[in-house]
């Protein structure tokens, strides 16, 4: 059975300082349940609902019961480089 993985929806970004949105990550296959041949083991943060085709500049986001398309957020700008330290001058002898 095909499954679709999404990013863990963490609410408190002070604990995990990354944007965690339910964003689609990729697909895989569920393992069969060794105790019940009529059941599949669906891991956490995966669904059997196929995401829509994702156009350029968009991301698919899982809401708990369906996928939605959202504008891909702009990445944060790179940090400013540290200024070069001033060379130490030697006092005249």
PDB file of N, CA and C in Angstrom:
ATOM      1  N   UNK A   1       0.856  -1.177   0.000  1.00  0.00           N
ATOM      2  CA  UNK A   1       0.000   0.000   0.000  1.00  0.00           C
ATOM      3  C   UNK A   1       0.897   1.233   0.000  1.00  0.00           C
ATOM      4  N   UNK A   2       0.611   2.153  -0.900  1.00  0.00           N
ATOM      5  CA  UNK A   2       1.402   3.370  -0.992  1.00  0.00           C
ATOM      6  C   UNK A   2       0.971   4.359   0.096  1.00  0.00           C
ATOM      7  N   UNK A   3       1.953   5.020   0.705  1.00  0.00           N
ATOM      8  CA  UNK A   3       1.681   6.039   1.726  1.00  0.00           C
ATOM      9  C   UNK A   3       2.446   7.303   1.372  1.00  0.00           C
ATOM     10  N   UNK A   4       2.023   8.422   1.960  1.00  0.00           N
ATOM     11  CA  UNK A   4       2.596   9.738   1.668  1.00  0.00           C
ATOM     12  C   UNK A   4       3.002  10.388   2.987  1.00  0.00           C
ATOM     13  N   UNK A   5       4.285  10.706   3.096  1.00  0.00           N
ATOM     14  CA  UNK A   5       4.836  11.249   4.338  1.00  0.00           C
ATOM     15  C   UNK A   5       4.741  12.775   4.349  1.00  0.00           C
ATOM     16  N   UNK A   6       4.519  13.325   5.539  1.00  0.00           N
ATOM     17  CA  UNK A   6       4.500  14.783   5.701  1.00  0.00           C
ATOM     18  C   UNK A   6       5.271  15.153   6.955  1.00  0.00           C
ATOM     19  N   UNK A   7       5.707  16.422   6.993  1.00  0.00           N
ATOM     20  CA  UNK A   7       6.507  16.915   8.110  1.00  0.00           C
ATOM     21  C   UNK A   7       5.658  16.990   9.373  1.00  0.00           C
ATOM     22  N   UNK A   8       6.251  16.594  10.485  1.00  0.00           N
ATOM     23  CA  UNK A   8       5.554  16.595  11.775  1.00  0.00           C
ATOM     24  C   UNK A   8       5.000  17.981  12.098  1.00  0.00           C
ATOM     25  N   UNK A   9       3.710  18.095  12.401  1.00  0.00           N
ATOM     26  CA  UNK A   9       3.122  19.409  12.713  1.00  0.00           C
ATOM     27  C   UNK A   9       3.366  19.831  14.159  1.00  0.00           C
ATOM     28  N   UNK A  10       4.545  20.366  14.447  1.00  0.00           N
ATOM     29  CA  UNK A  10       4.885  20.847  15.793  1.00  0.00           C
ATOM     30  C   UNK A  10       4.323  22.253  15.960  1.00  0.00           C
ATOM     31  N   UNK A  11       3.719  22.508  17.114  1.00  0.00           N
ATOM     32  CA  UNK A  11       3.109  23.809  17.364  1.00  0.00           C
ATOM     33  C   UNK A  11       4.086  24.812  17.964  1.00  0.00           C
ATOM     34  N   UNK A  12       5.004  24.341  18.806  1.00  0.00           N
ATOM     35  CA  UNK A  12       5.900  25.241  19.535  1.00  0.00           C
ATOM     36  C   UNK A  12       7.266  25.265  18.861  1.00  0.00           C
ATOM     37  N   UNK A  13       7.546  26.301  18.051  1.00  0.00           N
ATOM     38  CA  UNK A  13       8.823  26.372  17.346  1.00  0.00           C
ATOM     39  C   UNK A  13       9.951  26.864  18.233  1.00  0.00           C
ATOM     40  N   UNK A  14       9.679  27.147  19.529  1.00  0.00           N
ATOM     41  CA  UNK A  14      10.788  27.476  20.426  1.00  0.00           C
ATOM     42  C   UNK A  14      11.510  26.198  20.833  1.00  0.00           C
ATOM     43  N   UNK A  15      10.811  25.059  20.783  1.00  0.00           N
ATOM     44  CA  UNK A  15      11.429  23.775  21.090  1.00  0.00           C
ATOM     45  C   UNK A  15      12.140  23.235  19.857  1.00  0.00           C
ATOM     46  N   UNK A  16      11.478  23.274  18.732  1.00  0.00           N
ATOM     47  CA  UNK A  16      12.049  22.817  17.465  1.00  0.00           C
ATOM     48  C   UNK A  16      12.097  24.042  16.558  1.00  0.00           C
ATOM     49  N   UNK A  17      13.245  24.702  16.450  1.00  0.00           N
ATOM     50  CA  UNK A  17      13.294  25.983  15.735  1.00  0.00           C
ATOM     51  C   UNK A  17      13.355  25.849  14.222  1.00  0.00           C
ATOM     52  N   UNK A  18      12.492  25.029  13.642  1.00  0.00           N
ATOM     53  CA  UNK A  18      12.391  24.919  12.195  1.00  0.00           C
ATOM     54  C   UNK A  18      10.925  25.041  11.818  1.00  0.00           C
ATOM     55  N   UNK A  19      10.636  25.503  10.616  1.00  0.00           N
ATOM     56  CA  UNK A  19       9.231  25.584  10.225  1.00  0.00           C
ATOM     57  C   UNK A  19       8.676  24.186  10.006  1.00  0.00           C
ATOM     58  N   UNK A  20       7.738  23.770  10.823  1.00  0.00           N
ATOM     59  CA  UNK A  20       7.173  22.433  10.748  1.00  0.00           C
ATOM     60  C   UNK A  20       5.697  22.591  10.419  1.00  0.00           C
ATOM     61  N   UNK A  21       5.327  22.185   9.225  1.00  0.00           N
ATOM     62  CA  UNK A  21       4.039  22.605   8.718  1.00  0.00           C
ATOM     63  C   UNK A  21       3.084  21.518   8.287  1.00  0.00           C
ATOM     64  N   UNK A  22       3.491  20.251   8.242  1.00  0.00           N
ATOM     65  CA  UNK A  22       2.686  19.230   7.586  1.00  0.00           C
ATOM     66  C   UNK A  22       3.012  19.162   6.111  1.00  0.00           C
ATOM     67  N   UNK A  23       4.122  19.780   5.701  1.00  0.00           N
ATOM     68  CA  UNK A  23       4.535  19.813   4.292  1.00  0.00           C
ATOM     69  C   UNK A  23       4.839  18.405   3.783  1.00  0.00           C
ATOM     70  N   UNK A  24       4.395  18.119   2.562  1.00  0.00           N
ATOM     71  CA  UNK A  24       4.632  16.837   1.911  1.00  0.00           C
ATOM     72  C   UNK A  24       6.131  16.596   1.760  1.00  0.00           C
ATOM     73  N   UNK A  25       6.582  15.380   2.164  1.00  0.00           N
ATOM     74  CA  UNK A  25       8.007  15.042   2.096  1.00  0.00           C
ATOM     75  C   UNK A  25       8.324  13.997   1.040  1.00  0.00           C
ATOM     76  N   UNK A  26       7.398  13.098   0.766  1.00  0.00           N
ATOM     77  CA  UNK A  26       7.658  12.042  -0.207  1.00  0.00           C
ATOM     78  C   UNK A  26       6.728  10.862   0.014  1.00  0.00           C
ATOM     79  N   UNK A  27       6.930   9.838  -0.798  1.00  0.00           N
ATOM     80  CA  UNK A  27       6.061   8.669  -0.700  1.00  0.00           C
ATOM     81  C   UNK A  27       6.862   7.431  -0.333  1.00  0.00           C
ATOM     82  N   UNK A  28       6.143   6.412   0.093  1.00  0.00           N
ATOM     83  CA  UNK A  28       6.759   5.146   0.454  1.00  0.00           C
ATOM     84  C   UNK A  28       5.697   4.063   0.445  1.00  0.00           C
ATOM     85  N   UNK A  29       6.017   2.937   1.075  1.00  0.00           N
ATOM     86  CA  UNK A  29       5.076   1.831   1.134  1.00  0.00           C
ATOM     87  C   UNK A  29       4.888   1.392   2.576  1.00  0.00           C
ATOM     88  N   UNK A  30       3.651   1.141   2.946  1.00  0.00           N
ATOM     89  CA  UNK A  30       3.335   0.660   4.288  1.00  0.00           C
ATOM     90  C   UNK A  30       3.748  -0.807   4.401  1.00  0.00           C
ATOM     91  N   UNK A  31       4.105  -1.196   5.602  1.00  0.00           N
ATOM     92  CA  UNK A  31       4.426  -2.596   5.869  1.00  0.00           C
ATOM     93  C   UNK A  31       3.149  -3.354   6.205  1.00  0.00           C
ATOM     94  N   UNK A  32       3.070  -4.625   5.794  1.00  0.00           N
ATOM     95  CA  UNK A  32       1.906  -5.416   6.200  1.00  0.00           C
ATOM     96  C   UNK A  32       1.974  -5.714   7.691  1.00  0.00           C
ATOM     97  N   UNK A  33       0.825  -5.775   8.311  1.00  0.00           N
ATOM     98  CA  UNK A  33       0.740  -6.088   9.739  1.00  0.00           C
ATOM     99  C   UNK A  33       0.997  -7.586   9.922  1.00  0.00           C
ATOM    100  N   UNK A  34       2.046  -7.965  10.662  1.00  0.00           N
ATOM    101  CA  UNK A  34       2.330  -9.393  10.814  1.00  0.00           C
ATOM    102  C   UNK A  34       1.270 -10.146  11.619  1.00  0.00           C
ATOM    103  N   UNK A  35       0.438  -9.418  12.359  1.00  0.00           N
ATOM    104  CA  UNK A  35      -0.601 -10.070  13.176  1.00  0.00           C
ATOM    105  C   UNK A  35      -1.959 -10.131  12.483  1.00  0.00           C
ATOM    106  N   UNK A  36      -2.101  -9.328  11.396  1.00  0.00           N
ATOM    107  CA  UNK A  36      -3.397  -9.288  10.704  1.00  0.00           C
ATOM    108  C   UNK A  36      -3.125  -9.078   9.220  1.00  0.00           C
ATOM    109  N   UNK A  37      -3.263 -10.112   8.431  1.00  0.00           N
ATOM    110  CA  UNK A  37      -2.929 -10.027   7.004  1.00  0.00           C
ATOM    111  C   UNK A  37      -3.834  -9.082   6.223  1.00  0.00           C
ATOM    112  N   UNK A  38      -4.939  -8.656   6.802  1.00  0.00           N
ATOM    113  CA  UNK A  38      -5.850  -7.717   6.130  1.00  0.00           C
ATOM    114  C   UNK A  38      -5.593  -6.274   6.544  1.00  0.00           C
ATOM    115  N   UNK A  39      -4.486  -6.018   7.270  1.00  0.00           N
ATOM    116  CA  UNK A  39      -4.212  -4.676   7.787  1.00  0.00           C
ATOM    117  C   UNK A  39      -2.813  -4.238   7.355  1.00  0.00           C
ATOM    118  N   UNK A  40      -2.637  -2.922   7.267  1.00  0.00           N
ATOM    119  CA  UNK A  40      -1.342  -2.331   6.936  1.00  0.00           C
ATOM    120  C   UNK A  40      -0.907  -1.438   8.084  1.00  0.00           C
ATOM    121  N   UNK A  41       0.407  -1.336   8.300  1.00  0.00           N
ATOM    122  CA  UNK A  41       0.952  -0.480   9.357  1.00  0.00           C
ATOM    123  C   UNK A  41       1.312   0.873   8.746  1.00  0.00           C
ATOM    124  N   UNK A  42       0.533   1.892   9.079  1.00  0.00           N
ATOM    125  CA  UNK A  42       0.757   3.250   8.582  1.00  0.00           C
ATOM    126  C   UNK A  42       1.534   3.992   9.670  1.00  0.00           C
ATOM    127  N   UNK A  43       2.766   4.456   9.371  1.00  0.00           N
ATOM    128  CA  UNK A  43       3.547   5.139  10.404  1.00  0.00           C
ATOM    129  C   UNK A  43       2.983   6.523  10.723  1.00  0.00           C
ATOM    130  N   UNK A  44       3.463   7.071  11.829  1.00  0.00           N
ATOM    131  CA  UNK A  44       3.079   8.438  12.192  1.00  0.00           C
ATOM    132  C   UNK A  44       3.503   9.388  11.078  1.00  0.00           C
ATOM    133  N   UNK A  45       2.750  10.443  10.900  1.00  0.00           N
ATOM    134  CA  UNK A  45       3.029  11.491   9.920  1.00  0.00           C
ATOM    135  C   UNK A  45       3.055  10.945   8.503  1.00  0.00           C
ATOM    136  N   UNK A  46       2.104  10.046   8.235  1.00  0.00           N
ATOM    137  CA  UNK A  46       1.899   9.504   6.896  1.00  0.00           C
ATOM    138  C   UNK A  46       0.407   9.310   6.700  1.00  0.00           C
ATOM    139  N   UNK A  47      -0.003   9.305   5.446  1.00  0.00           N
ATOM    140  CA  UNK A  47      -1.409   9.116   5.103  1.00  0.00           C
ATOM    141  C   UNK A  47      -1.494   8.291   3.831  1.00  0.00           C
ATOM    142  N   UNK A  48      -2.645   7.691   3.599  1.00  0.00           N
ATOM    143  CA  UNK A  48      -2.868   6.969   2.349  1.00  0.00           C
ATOM    144  C   UNK A  48      -3.514   7.868   1.303  1.00  0.00           C
ATOM    145  N   UNK A  49      -3.832   9.111   1.668  1.00  0.00           N
ATOM    146  CA  UNK A  49      -4.456  10.054   0.745  1.00  0.00           C
ATOM    147  C   UNK A  49      -3.368  10.672  -0.138  1.00  0.00           C
ATOM    148  N   UNK A  50      -3.486  10.464  -1.438  1.00  0.00           N
ATOM    149  CA  UNK A  50      -2.480  10.968  -2.381  1.00  0.00           C
ATOM    150  C   UNK A  50      -2.546  12.496  -2.464  1.00  0.00           C
ATOM    151  N   UNK A  51      -1.375  13.180  -2.413  1.00  0.00           N
ATOM    152  CA  UNK A  51      -1.390  14.631  -2.543  1.00  0.00           C
ATOM    153  C   UNK A  51      -1.672  15.042  -3.988  1.00  0.00           C
ATOM    154  N   UNK A  52      -2.123  16.276  -4.193  1.00  0.00           N
ATOM    155  CA  UNK A  52      -2.360  16.743  -5.557  1.00  0.00           C
ATOM    156  C   UNK A  52      -1.038  16.966  -6.285  1.00  0.00           C
ATOM    157  N   UNK A  53      -1.116  17.156  -7.585  1.00  0.00           N
ATOM    158  CA  UNK A  53       0.063  17.559  -8.353  1.00  0.00           C
ATOM    159  C   UNK A  53       0.498  18.924  -7.836  1.00  0.00           C
ATOM    160  N   UNK A  54       1.789  19.071  -7.578  1.00  0.00           N
ATOM    161  CA  UNK A  54       2.290  20.297  -6.949  1.00  0.00           C
ATOM    162  C   UNK A  54       2.929  21.183  -8.022  1.00  0.00           C
ATOM    163  N   UNK A  55       2.307  22.330  -8.337  1.00  0.00           N
ATOM    164  CA  UNK A  55       2.886  23.221  -9.339  1.00  0.00           C
ATOM    165  C   UNK A  55       4.108  23.967  -8.803  1.00  0.00           C
ATOM    166  N   UNK A  56       4.877  24.521  -9.702  1.00  0.00           N
ATOM    167  CA  UNK A  56       6.056  25.316  -9.361  1.00  0.00           C
ATOM    168  C   UNK A  56       5.676  26.431  -8.388  1.00  0.00           C
ATOM    169  N   UNK A  57       6.474  26.594  -7.336  1.00  0.00           N
ATOM    170  CA  UNK A  57       6.248  27.665  -6.370  1.00  0.00           C
ATOM    171  C   UNK A  57       5.237  27.345  -5.286  1.00  0.00           C
ATOM    172  N   UNK A  58       4.720  26.113  -5.267  1.00  0.00           N
ATOM    173  CA  UNK A  58       3.724  25.707  -4.261  1.00  0.00           C
ATOM    174  C   UNK A  58       4.262  24.525  -3.466  1.00  0.00           C
ATOM    175  N   UNK A  59       3.630  24.248  -2.322  1.00  0.00           N
ATOM    176  CA  UNK A  59       3.886  23.055  -1.536  1.00  0.00           C
ATOM    177  C   UNK A  59       2.541  22.441  -1.170  1.00  0.00           C
ATOM    178  N   UNK A  60       2.519  21.124  -0.986  1.00  0.00           N
ATOM    179  CA  UNK A  60       1.310  20.450  -0.502  1.00  0.00           C
ATOM    180  C   UNK A  60       1.436  20.335   1.010  1.00  0.00           C
ATOM    181  N   UNK A  61       0.355  20.653   1.726  1.00  0.00           N
ATOM    182  CA  UNK A  61       0.349  20.634   3.191  1.00  0.00           C
ATOM    183  C   UNK A  61      -0.815  19.777   3.667  1.00  0.00           C
ATOM    184  N   UNK A  62      -0.514  18.828   4.563  1.00  0.00           N
ATOM    185  CA  UNK A  62      -1.540  17.941   5.137  1.00  0.00           C
ATOM    186  C   UNK A  62      -2.191  18.637   6.317  1.00  0.00           C
ATOM    187  N   UNK A  63      -3.513  18.688   6.330  1.00  0.00           N
ATOM    188  CA  UNK A  63      -4.252  19.377   7.392  1.00  0.00           C
ATOM    189  C   UNK A  63      -4.809  18.421   8.438  1.00  0.00           C
ATOM    190  N   UNK A  64      -4.603  17.141   8.271  1.00  0.00           N
ATOM    191  CA  UNK A  64      -5.172  16.161   9.196  1.00  0.00           C
ATOM    192  C   UNK A  64      -6.214  15.301   8.520  1.00  0.00           C
ATOM    193  N   UNK A  65      -6.843  15.830   7.454  1.00  0.00           N
ATOM    194  CA  UNK A  65      -7.808  15.023   6.705  1.00  0.00           C
ATOM    195  C   UNK A  65      -7.763  15.264   5.203  1.00  0.00           C
ATOM    196  N   UNK A  66      -6.987  16.263   4.750  1.00  0.00           N
ATOM    197  CA  UNK A  66      -6.863  16.523   3.315  1.00  0.00           C
ATOM    198  C   UNK A  66      -5.598  17.331   3.042  1.00  0.00           C
ATOM    199  N   UNK A  67      -5.211  17.368   1.767  1.00  0.00           N
ATOM    200  CA  UNK A  67      -4.065  18.157   1.327  1.00  0.00           C
ATOM    201  C   UNK A  67      -4.549  19.509   0.813  1.00  0.00           C
ATOM    202  N   UNK A  68      -3.732  20.531   1.001  1.00  0.00           N
ATOM    203  CA  UNK A  68      -4.002  21.831   0.388  1.00  0.00           C
ATOM    204  C   UNK A  68      -2.707  22.305  -0.261  1.00  0.00           C
ATOM    205  N   UNK A  69      -2.825  23.186  -1.230  1.00  0.00           N
ATOM    206  CA  UNK A  69      -1.655  23.770  -1.879  1.00  0.00           C
ATOM    207  C   UNK A  69      -1.440  25.160  -1.317  1.00  0.00           C
ATOM    208  N   UNK A  70      -0.213  25.454  -0.931  1.00  0.00           N
ATOM    209  CA  UNK A  70       0.138  26.763  -0.389  1.00  0.00           C
ATOM    210  C   UNK A  70       1.362  27.294  -1.116  1.00  0.00           C
ATOM    211  N   UNK A  71       1.527  28.598  -1.071  1.00  0.00           N
ATOM    212  CA  UNK A  71       2.703  29.221  -1.686  1.00  0.00           C
ATOM    213  C   UNK A  71       3.943  28.800  -0.913  1.00  0.00           C
ATOM    214  N   UNK A  72       4.979  28.382  -1.652  1.00  0.00           N
ATOM    215  CA  UNK A  72       6.233  27.983  -1.003  1.00  0.00           C
ATOM    216  C   UNK A  72       6.832  29.208  -0.321  1.00  0.00           C
ATOM    217  N   UNK A  73       7.124  29.110   0.986  1.00  0.00           N
ATOM    218  CA  UNK A  73       7.703  30.268   1.680  1.00  0.00           C
ATOM    219  C   UNK A  73       9.118  30.559   1.172  1.00  0.00           C
ATOM    220  N   UNK A  74       9.450  31.818   1.172  1.00  0.00           N
ATOM    221  CA  UNK A  74      10.805  32.220   0.787  1.00  0.00           C
ATOM    222  C   UNK A  74      11.782  31.782   1.870  1.00  0.00           C
ATOM    223  N   UNK A  75      12.944  31.264   1.484  1.00  0.00           N
ATOM    224  CA  UNK A  75      13.921  30.908   2.518  1.00  0.00           C
ATOM    225  C   UNK A  75      14.458  32.161   3.203  1.00  0.00           C
ATOM    226  N   UNK A  76      14.852  32.049   4.454  1.00  0.00           N
ATOM    227  CA  UNK A  76      15.383  33.231   5.137  1.00  0.00           C
ATOM    228  C   UNK A  76      16.698  33.667   4.490  1.00  0.00           C
ATOM    229  N   UNK A  77      17.001  34.959   4.538  1.00  0.00           N
ATOM    230  CA  UNK A  77      18.258  35.413   3.932  1.00  0.00           C
ATOM    231  C   UNK A  77      19.447  34.850   4.712  1.00  0.00           C
ATOM    232  N   UNK A  78      20.587  34.690   4.032  1.00  0.00           N
ATOM    233  CA  UNK A  78      21.761  34.184   4.753  1.00  0.00           C
ATOM    234  C   UNK A  78      22.218  35.204   5.787  1.00  0.00           C
ATOM    235  N   UNK A  79      22.854  34.738   6.862  1.00  0.00           N
ATOM    236  CA  UNK A  79      23.304  35.680   7.888  1.00  0.00           C
ATOM    237  C   UNK A  79      24.412  36.583   7.344  1.00  0.00           C
ATOM    238  N   UNK A  80      24.481  37.768   7.922  1.00  0.00           N
ATOM    239  CA  UNK A  80      25.534  38.711   7.536  1.00  0.00           C
ATOM    240  C   UNK A  80      26.885  38.151   7.981  1.00  0.00           C
ATOM    241  N   UNK A  81      27.921  38.296   7.156  1.00  0.00           N
ATOM    242  CA  UNK A  81      29.235  37.800   7.578  1.00  0.00           C
ATOM    243  C   UNK A  81      29.789  38.624   8.728  1.00  0.00           C
ATOM    244  N   UNK A  82      30.575  37.962   9.559  1.00  0.00           N
ATOM    245  CA  UNK A  82      31.224  38.656  10.675  1.00  0.00           C
ATOM    246  C   UNK A  82      32.269  39.607  10.104  1.00  0.00           C
ATOM    247  N   UNK A  83      32.417  40.811  10.677  1.00  0.00           N
ATOM    248  CA  UNK A  83      33.452  41.715  10.164  1.00  0.00           C
ATOM    249  C   UNK A  83      34.843  41.161  10.494  1.00  0.00           C
ATOM    250  N   UNK A  84      35.767  41.445   9.597  1.00  0.00           N
ATOM    251  CA  UNK A  84      37.146  41.012   9.809  1.00  0.00           C
ATOM    252  C   UNK A  84      37.720  41.764  11.008  1.00  0.00           C
ATOM    253  N   UNK A  85      38.456  41.075  11.888  1.00  0.00           N
ATOM    254  CA  UNK A  85      39.055  41.787  13.028  1.00  0.00           C
ATOM    255  C   UNK A  85      40.165  42.720  12.552  1.00  0.00           C
ATOM    256  N   UNK A  86      40.280  43.839  13.257  1.00  0.00           N
ATOM    257  CA  UNK A  86      41.343  44.798  12.929  1.00  0.00           C
ATOM    258  C   UNK A  86      42.683  44.171  13.287  1.00  0.00           C
ATOM    259  N   UNK A  87      43.694  44.315  12.413  1.00  0.00           N
ATOM    260  CA  UNK A  87      45.016  43.792  12.788  1.00  0.00           C
ATOM    261  C   UNK A  87      45.573  44.597  13.956  1.00  0.00           C
ATOM    262  N   UNK A  88      46.211  43.877  14.864  1.00  0.00           N
ATOM    263  CA  UNK A  88      46.806  44.575  16.009  1.00  0.00           C
ATOM    264  C   UNK A  88      48.046  45.307  15.549  1.00  0.00           C
ATOM    265  N   UNK A  89      48.154  46.579  15.967  1.00  0.00           N
ATOM    266  CA  UNK A  89      49.348  47.339  15.601  1.00  0.00           C
ATOM    267  C   UNK A  89      50.399  47.180  16.699  1.00  0.00           C
ATOM    268  N   UNK A  90      51.621  47.143  16.283  1.00  0.00           N
ATOM    269  CA  UNK A  90      52.702  47.032  17.273  1.00  0.00           C
ATOM    270  C   UNK A  90      53.215  48.433  17.595  1.00  0.00           C
ATOM    271  N   UNK A  91      53.440  48.717  18.869  1.00  0.00           N
ATOM    272  CA  UNK A  91      53.908  50.055  19.224  1.00  0.00           C
ATOM    273  C   UNK A  91      55.349  50.252  18.726  1.00  0.00           C
ATOM    274  N   UNK A  92      55.714  51.509  18.389  1.00  0.00           N
ATOM    275  CA  UNK A  92      57.091  51.765  17.906  1.00  0.00           C
ATOM    276  C   UNK A  92      58.085  51.443  19.017  1.00  0.00           C
ATOM    277  N   UNK A  93      59.254  50.962  18.615  1.00  0.00           N
ATOM    278  CA  UNK A  93      60.299  50.582  19.579  1.00  0.00           C
ATOM    279  C   UNK A  93      61.085  51.766  20.078  1.00  0.00           C
TER     280      UNK A  93
END
